[in-house]
Amino acid sequence: MFKKFINRARQQRREALNEYYNKIYATVNDEAARDVRWLPLAEGGSSGMTYALKKSGPGHYRFEPGWFLKILAHTPLFLGSALLVRQLYRLAVAEDLTSLWGAVAFWGAVALVLIVVGLFSLRHIYSAPTVELTRGQISRKHMPMPAFFERLFPGKNYYRISFDDVLALQILAERCSSQDDSSARTFISYELILVLKKRKRVLLVDHGNLEVIQSDARTLSSLLGVPVWDGSAHPLESLLVRPF
């Protein structure tokens, strides 16, 4: 009976995905779009805006983090630094160090953990895609970090893509749910994706502000000379993303 239930759930998922793909193909009037997957690349998403494309110099554009993301990333580093300075000050002014070593060692360790978390957060949010017109490429590389941090947490998921390798820009919508202490709520998160000519897809940004996503897609489309495949009108239910 359990197997029958699973088979029925799989059949319902296939039918729902077929309906979803038919809506996408009807909206995106491009035969090449039929050869590309239209499932999200990232699980879940954000209900607010996390990144927006900004011109950072002549022929240079960058996805900049929003103010909330910046505050979130800087907070552990600020708290850890303040806590570390506090412990060093206690050692400097103390007359009897014997009774302080235990507390100072504990809070000093907490401070160092917060500092490492802060550095990790900063590297993550500032490792956003960059568009370089002079080089004709889109790249994602991390901000410089201390050598000890790079040894502990080597960077990954970095890339360099030539404009000539890009086929299109894809916009996906996923209906996500979040659970708090009182109730559950749903929101739609949107992904802006690079579709390469080899049909590989590369996620640029993922957040809940459709207006910003579409504006950034139009800017990139103009810079790269490729079309935008906008499937944002048809959100995919998050339960359909994972196979049974």
C-alpha atoms as a PDB file:
ATOM      1  CA  MET A   1       0.000   0.000   0.000  1.00  0.00           C
ATOM      2  CA  PHE A   2       2.863   2.340   0.794  1.00  0.00           C
ATOM      3  CA  LYS A   3       4.439   1.639  -2.598  1.00  0.00           C
ATOM      4  CA  LYS A   4       1.141   2.423  -4.279  1.00  0.00           C
ATOM      5  CA  PHE A   5       0.983   5.744  -2.444  1.00  0.00           C
ATOM      6  CA  ILE A   6       4.539   6.613  -3.562  1.00  0.00           C
ATOM      7  CA  ASN A   7       3.785   5.743  -7.192  1.00  0.00           C
ATOM      8  CA  ARG A   8       0.654   7.876  -7.106  1.00  0.00           C
ATOM      9  CA  ALA A   9       2.611  10.807  -5.616  1.00  0.00           C
ATOM     10  CA  ARG A  10       5.251  10.454  -8.332  1.00  0.00           C
ATOM     11  CA  GLN A  11       2.595  10.436 -11.035  1.00  0.00           C
ATOM     12  CA  GLN A  12       1.009  13.582  -9.596  1.00  0.00           C
ATOM     13  CA  ARG A  13       4.416  15.253  -9.507  1.00  0.00           C
ATOM     14  CA  ARG A  14       5.084  14.359 -13.152  1.00  0.00           C
ATOM     15  CA  GLU A  15       1.696  15.752 -14.185  1.00  0.00           C
ATOM     16  CA  ALA A  16       2.258  18.958 -12.218  1.00  0.00           C
ATOM     17  CA  LEU A  17       5.717  19.406 -13.750  1.00  0.00           C
ATOM     18  CA  ASN A  18       4.365  18.799 -17.258  1.00  0.00           C
ATOM     19  CA  GLU A  19       1.730  21.465 -16.659  1.00  0.00           C
ATOM     20  CA  TYR A  20       4.410  23.810 -15.329  1.00  0.00           C
ATOM     21  CA  TYR A  21       6.672  23.261 -18.341  1.00  0.00           C
ATOM     22  CA  ASN A  22       3.785  23.802 -20.761  1.00  0.00           C
ATOM     23  CA  LYS A  23       3.055  27.161 -19.145  1.00  0.00           C
ATOM     24  CA  ILE A  24       6.726  28.114 -19.342  1.00  0.00           C
ATOM     25  CA  TYR A  25       7.004  27.175 -23.026  1.00  0.00           C
ATOM     26  CA  ALA A  26       3.828  29.130 -23.809  1.00  0.00           C
ATOM     27  CA  THR A  27       5.296  32.208 -22.111  1.00  0.00           C
ATOM     28  CA  VAL A  28       8.884  31.939 -23.330  1.00  0.00           C
ATOM     29  CA  ASN A  29       8.541  31.866 -27.092  1.00  0.00           C
ATOM     30  CA  ASP A  30      11.979  30.477 -27.909  1.00  0.00           C
ATOM     31  CA  GLU A  31      12.687  26.962 -29.135  1.00  0.00           C
ATOM     32  CA  ALA A  32      16.085  26.949 -27.421  1.00  0.00           C
ATOM     33  CA  ALA A  33      14.339  27.314 -24.052  1.00  0.00           C
ATOM     34  CA  ARG A  34      12.872  23.820 -24.494  1.00  0.00           C
ATOM     35  CA  ASP A  35      16.363  22.292 -24.272  1.00  0.00           C
ATOM     36  CA  VAL A  36      17.052  23.819 -20.859  1.00  0.00           C
ATOM     37  CA  ARG A  37      15.943  22.719 -17.398  1.00  0.00           C
ATOM     38  CA  TRP A  38      13.493  25.035 -15.640  1.00  0.00           C
ATOM     39  CA  LEU A  39      13.947  23.813 -12.081  1.00  0.00           C
ATOM     40  CA  PRO A  40      15.528  26.074  -9.429  1.00  0.00           C
ATOM     41  CA  LEU A  41      19.253  25.734  -8.810  1.00  0.00           C
ATOM     42  CA  ALA A  42      19.055  26.710  -5.133  1.00  0.00           C
ATOM     43  CA  GLU A  43      16.836  25.328  -2.398  1.00  0.00           C
ATOM     44  CA  GLY A  44      14.509  27.862  -0.795  1.00  0.00           C
ATOM     45  CA  GLY A  45      15.206  31.553  -1.150  1.00  0.00           C
ATOM     46  CA  SER A  46      14.664  34.978   0.351  1.00  0.00           C
ATOM     47  CA  SER A  47      11.484  37.018   0.642  1.00  0.00           C
ATOM     48  CA  GLY A  48      13.396  40.297   0.345  1.00  0.00           C
ATOM     49  CA  MET A  49      16.073  41.777  -1.905  1.00  0.00           C
ATOM     50  CA  THR A  50      19.586  40.504  -1.190  1.00  0.00           C
ATOM     51  CA  TYR A  51      21.591  41.712  -4.223  1.00  0.00           C
ATOM     52  CA  ALA A  52      21.198  44.326  -6.946  1.00  0.00           C
ATOM     53  CA  LEU A  53      23.336  45.005 -10.024  1.00  0.00           C
ATOM     54  CA  LYS A  54      25.236  48.288  -9.699  1.00  0.00           C
ATOM     55  CA  LYS A  55      27.730  50.053 -11.927  1.00  0.00           C
ATOM     56  CA  SER A  56      30.962  50.107  -9.933  1.00  0.00           C
ATOM     57  CA  GLY A  57      33.231  51.724 -12.531  1.00  0.00           C
ATOM     58  CA  PRO A  58      33.789  52.267 -16.267  1.00  0.00           C
ATOM     59  CA  GLY A  59      32.742  49.056 -17.998  1.00  0.00           C
ATOM     60  CA  HIS A  60      32.353  47.345 -14.643  1.00  0.00           C
ATOM     61  CA  TYR A  61      29.150  46.100 -12.974  1.00  0.00           C
ATOM     62  CA  ARG A  62      28.771  44.185  -9.738  1.00  0.00           C
ATOM     63  CA  PHE A  63      25.976  42.543  -7.767  1.00  0.00           C
ATOM     64  CA  GLU A  64      26.073  44.505  -4.512  1.00  0.00           C
ATOM     65  CA  PRO A  65      24.545  43.142  -1.279  1.00  0.00           C
ATOM     66  CA  GLY A  66      21.628  45.040   0.261  1.00  0.00           C
ATOM     67  CA  TRP A  67      21.940  46.932   3.536  1.00  0.00           C
ATOM     68  CA  PHE A  68      20.237  44.219   5.612  1.00  0.00           C
ATOM     69  CA  LEU A  69      22.653  41.585   4.306  1.00  0.00           C
ATOM     70  CA  LYS A  70      25.596  43.871   5.067  1.00  0.00           C
ATOM     71  CA  ILE A  71      24.425  44.450   8.643  1.00  0.00           C
ATOM     72  CA  LEU A  72      23.858  40.713   9.115  1.00  0.00           C
ATOM     73  CA  ALA A  73      27.361  39.895   7.864  1.00  0.00           C
ATOM     74  CA  HIS A  74      29.194  42.654   9.765  1.00  0.00           C
ATOM     75  CA  THR A  75      27.513  42.016  13.137  1.00  0.00           C
ATOM     76  CA  PRO A  76      29.521  38.889  14.207  1.00  0.00           C
ATOM     77  CA  LEU A  77      32.810  40.580  13.262  1.00  0.00           C
ATOM     78  CA  PHE A  78      31.893  43.731  15.201  1.00  0.00           C
ATOM     79  CA  LEU A  79      30.749  41.810  18.287  1.00  0.00           C
ATOM     80  CA  GLY A  80      33.764  39.504  18.212  1.00  0.00           C
ATOM     81  CA  SER A  81      36.224  42.390  17.860  1.00  0.00           C
ATOM     82  CA  ALA A  82      34.575  44.350  20.680  1.00  0.00           C
ATOM     83  CA  LEU A  83      34.577  41.295  22.937  1.00  0.00           C
ATOM     84  CA  LEU A  84      38.246  40.568  22.191  1.00  0.00           C
ATOM     85  CA  VAL A  85      39.256  44.161  22.934  1.00  0.00           C
ATOM     86  CA  ARG A  86      37.285  43.963  26.186  1.00  0.00           C
ATOM     87  CA  GLN A  87      39.181  40.865  27.314  1.00  0.00           C
ATOM     88  CA  LEU A  88      42.552  42.388  26.399  1.00  0.00           C
ATOM     89  CA  TYR A  89      41.624  45.504  28.366  1.00  0.00           C
ATOM     90  CA  ARG A  90      40.715  43.382  31.408  1.00  0.00           C
ATOM     91  CA  LEU A  91      44.128  41.733  31.257  1.00  0.00           C
ATOM     92  CA  ALA A  92      45.894  45.078  30.887  1.00  0.00           C
ATOM     93  CA  VAL A  93      44.294  46.741  33.929  1.00  0.00           C
ATOM     94  CA  ALA A  94      44.025  43.718  36.230  1.00  0.00           C
ATOM     95  CA  GLU A  95      46.307  43.577  39.259  1.00  0.00           C
ATOM     96  CA  ASP A  96      45.783  39.854  39.871  1.00  0.00           C
ATOM     97  CA  LEU A  97      45.684  37.801  36.663  1.00  0.00           C
ATOM     98  CA  THR A  98      45.255  34.458  38.390  1.00  0.00           C
ATOM     99  CA  SER A  99      41.511  34.799  38.922  1.00  0.00           C
ATOM    100  CA  LEU A 100      40.897  36.180  35.424  1.00  0.00           C
ATOM    101  CA  TRP A 101      42.537  33.602  33.173  1.00  0.00           C
ATOM    102  CA  GLY A 102      39.571  31.226  33.023  1.00  0.00           C
ATOM    103  CA  ALA A 103      36.971  33.856  32.139  1.00  0.00           C
ATOM    104  CA  VAL A 104      39.288  35.698  29.751  1.00  0.00           C
ATOM    105  CA  ALA A 105      40.209  32.454  27.956  1.00  0.00           C
ATOM    106  CA  PHE A 106      36.545  31.507  27.580  1.00  0.00           C
ATOM    107  CA  TRP A 107      35.325  34.876  26.308  1.00  0.00           C
ATOM    108  CA  GLY A 108      38.427  35.270  24.168  1.00  0.00           C
ATOM    109  CA  ALA A 109      37.611  31.963  22.451  1.00  0.00           C
ATOM    110  CA  VAL A 110      34.019  33.128  21.917  1.00  0.00           C
ATOM    111  CA  ALA A 111      35.355  36.365  20.413  1.00  0.00           C
ATOM    112  CA  LEU A 112      37.620  34.475  18.003  1.00  0.00           C
ATOM    113  CA  VAL A 113      34.736  32.254  16.894  1.00  0.00           C
ATOM    114  CA  LEU A 114      32.602  35.337  16.215  1.00  0.00           C
ATOM    115  CA  ILE A 115      35.434  36.941  14.251  1.00  0.00           C
ATOM    116  CA  VAL A 116      35.872  33.833  12.074  1.00  0.00           C
ATOM    117  CA  VAL A 117      32.098  33.667  11.477  1.00  0.00           C
ATOM    118  CA  GLY A 118      32.144  37.357  10.566  1.00  0.00           C
ATOM    119  CA  LEU A 119      35.009  36.905   8.093  1.00  0.00           C
ATOM    120  CA  PHE A 120      33.249  33.924   6.545  1.00  0.00           C
ATOM    121  CA  SER A 121      30.023  35.947   6.211  1.00  0.00           C
ATOM    122  CA  LEU A 122      31.831  38.915   4.650  1.00  0.00           C
ATOM    123  CA  ARG A 123      33.620  36.725   2.120  1.00  0.00           C
ATOM    124  CA  HIS A 124      30.328  35.077   1.230  1.00  0.00           C
ATOM    125  CA  ILE A 125      28.280  38.232   0.619  1.00  0.00           C
ATOM    126  CA  TYR A 126      31.050  40.055  -1.249  1.00  0.00           C
ATOM    127  CA  SER A 127      31.819  37.065  -3.491  1.00  0.00           C
ATOM    128  CA  ALA A 128      29.047  38.155  -5.855  1.00  0.00           C
ATOM    129  CA  PRO A 129      29.167  38.001  -9.678  1.00  0.00           C
ATOM    130  CA  THR A 130      30.964  40.809 -11.497  1.00  0.00           C
ATOM    131  CA  VAL A 131      30.494  41.890 -15.125  1.00  0.00           C
ATOM    132  CA  GLU A 132      33.654  43.176 -16.838  1.00  0.00           C
ATOM    133  CA  LEU A 133      32.940  44.670 -20.254  1.00  0.00           C
ATOM    134  CA  THR A 134      36.609  45.316 -21.068  1.00  0.00           C
ATOM    135  CA  ARG A 135      37.423  41.627 -20.611  1.00  0.00           C
ATOM    136  CA  GLY A 136      34.115  40.386 -21.982  1.00  0.00           C
ATOM    137  CA  GLN A 137      33.452  38.122 -19.030  1.00  0.00           C
ATOM    138  CA  ILE A 138      31.340  37.476 -15.966  1.00  0.00           C
ATOM    139  CA  SER A 139      33.262  36.249 -12.963  1.00  0.00           C
ATOM    140  CA  ARG A 140      32.705  35.336  -9.341  1.00  0.00           C
ATOM    141  CA  LYS A 141      35.713  35.537  -7.055  1.00  0.00           C
ATOM    142  CA  HIS A 142      36.079  36.027  -3.338  1.00  0.00           C
ATOM    143  CA  MET A 143      37.323  39.129  -1.552  1.00  0.00           C
ATOM    144  CA  PRO A 144      40.919  38.902  -0.206  1.00  0.00           C
ATOM    145  CA  MET A 145      41.108  37.344   3.233  1.00  0.00           C
ATOM    146  CA  PRO A 146      43.919  36.644   5.757  1.00  0.00           C
ATOM    147  CA  ALA A 147      46.069  33.631   4.858  1.00  0.00           C
ATOM    148  CA  PHE A 148      45.058  31.658   7.963  1.00  0.00           C
ATOM    149  CA  PHE A 149      41.382  32.076   7.039  1.00  0.00           C
ATOM    150  CA  GLU A 150      41.944  30.890   3.469  1.00  0.00           C
ATOM    151  CA  ARG A 151      43.690  27.772   4.770  1.00  0.00           C
ATOM    152  CA  LEU A 152      40.798  27.017   7.113  1.00  0.00           C
ATOM    153  CA  PHE A 153      38.040  27.818   4.612  1.00  0.00           C
ATOM    154  CA  PRO A 154      39.259  27.524   1.011  1.00  0.00           C
ATOM    155  CA  GLY A 155      36.970  29.218  -1.484  1.00  0.00           C
ATOM    156  CA  LYS A 156      34.822  27.298  -3.944  1.00  0.00           C
ATOM    157  CA  ASN A 157      32.101  27.810  -6.563  1.00  0.00           C
ATOM    158  CA  TYR A 158      34.077  30.543  -8.295  1.00  0.00           C
ATOM    159  CA  TYR A 159      34.011  30.914 -12.069  1.00  0.00           C
ATOM    160  CA  ARG A 160      34.958  33.013 -15.081  1.00  0.00           C
ATOM    161  CA  ILE A 161      32.551  32.948 -18.062  1.00  0.00           C
ATOM    162  CA  SER A 162      33.070  34.611 -21.442  1.00  0.00           C
ATOM    163  CA  PHE A 163      30.199  36.607 -22.933  1.00  0.00           C
ATOM    164  CA  ASP A 164      30.507  34.398 -26.035  1.00  0.00           C
ATOM    165  CA  ASP A 165      29.538  31.339 -23.993  1.00  0.00           C
ATOM    166  CA  VAL A 166      26.222  32.795 -22.762  1.00  0.00           C
ATOM    167  CA  LEU A 167      23.022  31.768 -24.537  1.00  0.00           C
ATOM    168  CA  ALA A 168      20.361  33.528 -22.469  1.00  0.00           C
ATOM    169  CA  LEU A 169      19.278  34.795 -19.071  1.00  0.00           C
ATOM    170  CA  GLN A 170      16.661  32.766 -17.238  1.00  0.00           C
ATOM    171  CA  ILE A 171      14.272  33.929 -14.518  1.00  0.00           C
ATOM    172  CA  LEU A 172      12.617  31.271 -12.347  1.00  0.00           C
ATOM    173  CA  ALA A 173      10.052  31.599  -9.565  1.00  0.00           C
ATOM    174  CA  GLU A 174       9.721  29.219  -6.622  1.00  0.00           C
ATOM    175  CA  ARG A 175       6.981  29.349  -4.000  1.00  0.00           C
ATOM    176  CA  CYS A 176       8.687  28.801  -0.650  1.00  0.00           C
ATOM    177  CA  SER A 177       7.383  28.484   2.882  1.00  0.00           C
ATOM    178  CA  SER A 178       8.808  29.564   6.218  1.00  0.00           C
ATOM    179  CA  GLN A 179       7.771  28.549   9.708  1.00  0.00           C
ATOM    180  CA  ASP A 180       7.948  30.815  12.737  1.00  0.00           C
ATOM    181  CA  ASP A 181       6.684  30.421  16.284  1.00  0.00           C
ATOM    182  CA  SER A 182       3.093  31.350  15.501  1.00  0.00           C
ATOM    183  CA  SER A 183       2.301  30.452  11.914  1.00  0.00           C
ATOM    184  CA  ALA A 184       3.556  29.406   8.500  1.00  0.00           C
ATOM    185  CA  ARG A 185       3.751  31.808   5.601  1.00  0.00           C
ATOM    186  CA  THR A 186       4.604  31.503   1.937  1.00  0.00           C
ATOM    187  CA  PHE A 187       6.582  33.768  -0.330  1.00  0.00           C
ATOM    188  CA  ILE A 188       7.987  33.657  -3.846  1.00  0.00           C
ATOM    189  CA  SER A 189      11.722  33.723  -4.448  1.00  0.00           C
ATOM    190  CA  TYR A 190      13.157  34.420  -7.891  1.00  0.00           C
ATOM    191  CA  GLU A 191      16.376  33.132  -9.442  1.00  0.00           C
ATOM    192  CA  LEU A 192      18.353  34.962 -12.117  1.00  0.00           C
ATOM    193  CA  ILE A 193      20.385  32.366 -14.005  1.00  0.00           C
ATOM    194  CA  LEU A 194      22.963  32.411 -16.790  1.00  0.00           C
ATOM    195  CA  VAL A 195      22.210  29.797 -19.435  1.00  0.00           C
ATOM    196  CA  LEU A 196      25.344  28.788 -21.309  1.00  0.00           C
ATOM    197  CA  LYS A 197      25.465  27.527 -24.870  1.00  0.00           C
ATOM    198  CA  LYS A 198      26.415  24.078 -23.577  1.00  0.00           C
ATOM    199  CA  ARG A 199      23.090  24.194 -21.658  1.00  0.00           C
ATOM    200  CA  LYS A 200      24.846  24.451 -18.312  1.00  0.00           C
ATOM    201  CA  ARG A 201      23.202  26.910 -15.915  1.00  0.00           C
ATOM    202  CA  VAL A 202      24.910  29.233 -13.439  1.00  0.00           C
ATOM    203  CA  LEU A 203      23.008  30.956 -10.643  1.00  0.00           C
ATOM    204  CA  LEU A 204      23.658  34.693 -10.363  1.00  0.00           C
ATOM    205  CA  VAL A 205      21.270  35.806  -7.605  1.00  0.00           C
ATOM    206  CA  ASP A 206      18.262  34.458  -5.730  1.00  0.00           C
ATOM    207  CA  HIS A 207      15.869  36.714  -3.803  1.00  0.00           C
ATOM    208  CA  GLY A 208      12.253  37.856  -3.506  1.00  0.00           C
ATOM    209  CA  ASN A 209      12.220  41.237  -5.280  1.00  0.00           C
ATOM    210  CA  LEU A 210      10.950  40.541  -8.811  1.00  0.00           C
ATOM    211  CA  GLU A 211      11.231  44.167  -9.926  1.00  0.00           C
ATOM    212  CA  VAL A 212      14.964  44.214  -9.122  1.00  0.00           C
ATOM    213  CA  ILE A 213      15.503  40.777 -10.698  1.00  0.00           C
ATOM    214  CA  GLN A 214      13.822  41.863 -13.943  1.00  0.00           C
ATOM    215  CA  SER A 215      15.662  45.192 -14.002  1.00  0.00           C
ATOM    216  CA  ASP A 216      19.013  43.444 -13.534  1.00  0.00           C
ATOM    217  CA  ALA A 217      18.088  40.913 -16.235  1.00  0.00           C
ATOM    218  CA  ARG A 218      17.316  43.731 -18.703  1.00  0.00           C
ATOM    219  CA  THR A 219      20.640  45.423 -17.926  1.00  0.00           C
ATOM    220  CA  LEU A 220      22.580  42.201 -18.382  1.00  0.00           C
ATOM    221  CA  SER A 221      20.655  41.396 -21.551  1.00  0.00           C
ATOM    222  CA  SER A 222      21.717  44.730 -23.024  1.00  0.00           C
ATOM    223  CA  LEU A 223      25.347  44.277 -21.935  1.00  0.00           C
ATOM    224  CA  LEU A 224      25.676  40.682 -23.135  1.00  0.00           C
ATOM    225  CA  GLY A 225      23.388  40.870 -26.163  1.00  0.00           C
ATOM    226  CA  VAL A 226      21.328  37.818 -25.160  1.00  0.00           C
ATOM    227  CA  PRO A 227      17.569  37.330 -24.587  1.00  0.00           C
ATOM    228  CA  VAL A 228      15.790  37.088 -21.243  1.00  0.00           C
ATOM    229  CA  TRP A 229      13.639  34.000 -20.687  1.00  0.00           C
ATOM    230  CA  ASP A 230      11.221  35.205 -18.030  1.00  0.00           C
ATOM    231  CA  GLY A 231       9.246  32.443 -16.356  1.00  0.00           C
ATOM    232  CA  SER A 232       8.475  34.449 -13.219  1.00  0.00           C
ATOM    233  CA  ALA A 233       4.726  34.443 -13.917  1.00  0.00           C
ATOM    234  CA  HIS A 234       4.588  30.716 -13.128  1.00  0.00           C
ATOM    235  CA  PRO A 235       5.957  29.968  -9.631  1.00  0.00           C
ATOM    236  CA  LEU A 236       6.942  26.375  -9.045  1.00  0.00           C
ATOM    237  CA  GLU A 237       5.815  24.836  -5.780  1.00  0.00           C
ATOM    238  CA  SER A 238       8.852  23.958  -3.661  1.00  0.00           C
ATOM    239  CA  LEU A 239       7.523  20.424  -3.060  1.00  0.00           C
ATOM    240  CA  LEU A 240       7.838  19.725  -6.799  1.00  0.00           C
ATOM    241  CA  VAL A 241      11.534  20.582  -6.879  1.00  0.00           C
ATOM    242  CA  ARG A 242      12.685  17.470  -5.025  1.00  0.00           C
ATOM    243  CA  PRO A 243      11.949  14.066  -6.561  1.00  0.00           C
ATOM    244  CA  PHE A 244      10.463  11.316  -4.412  1.00  0.00           C
END
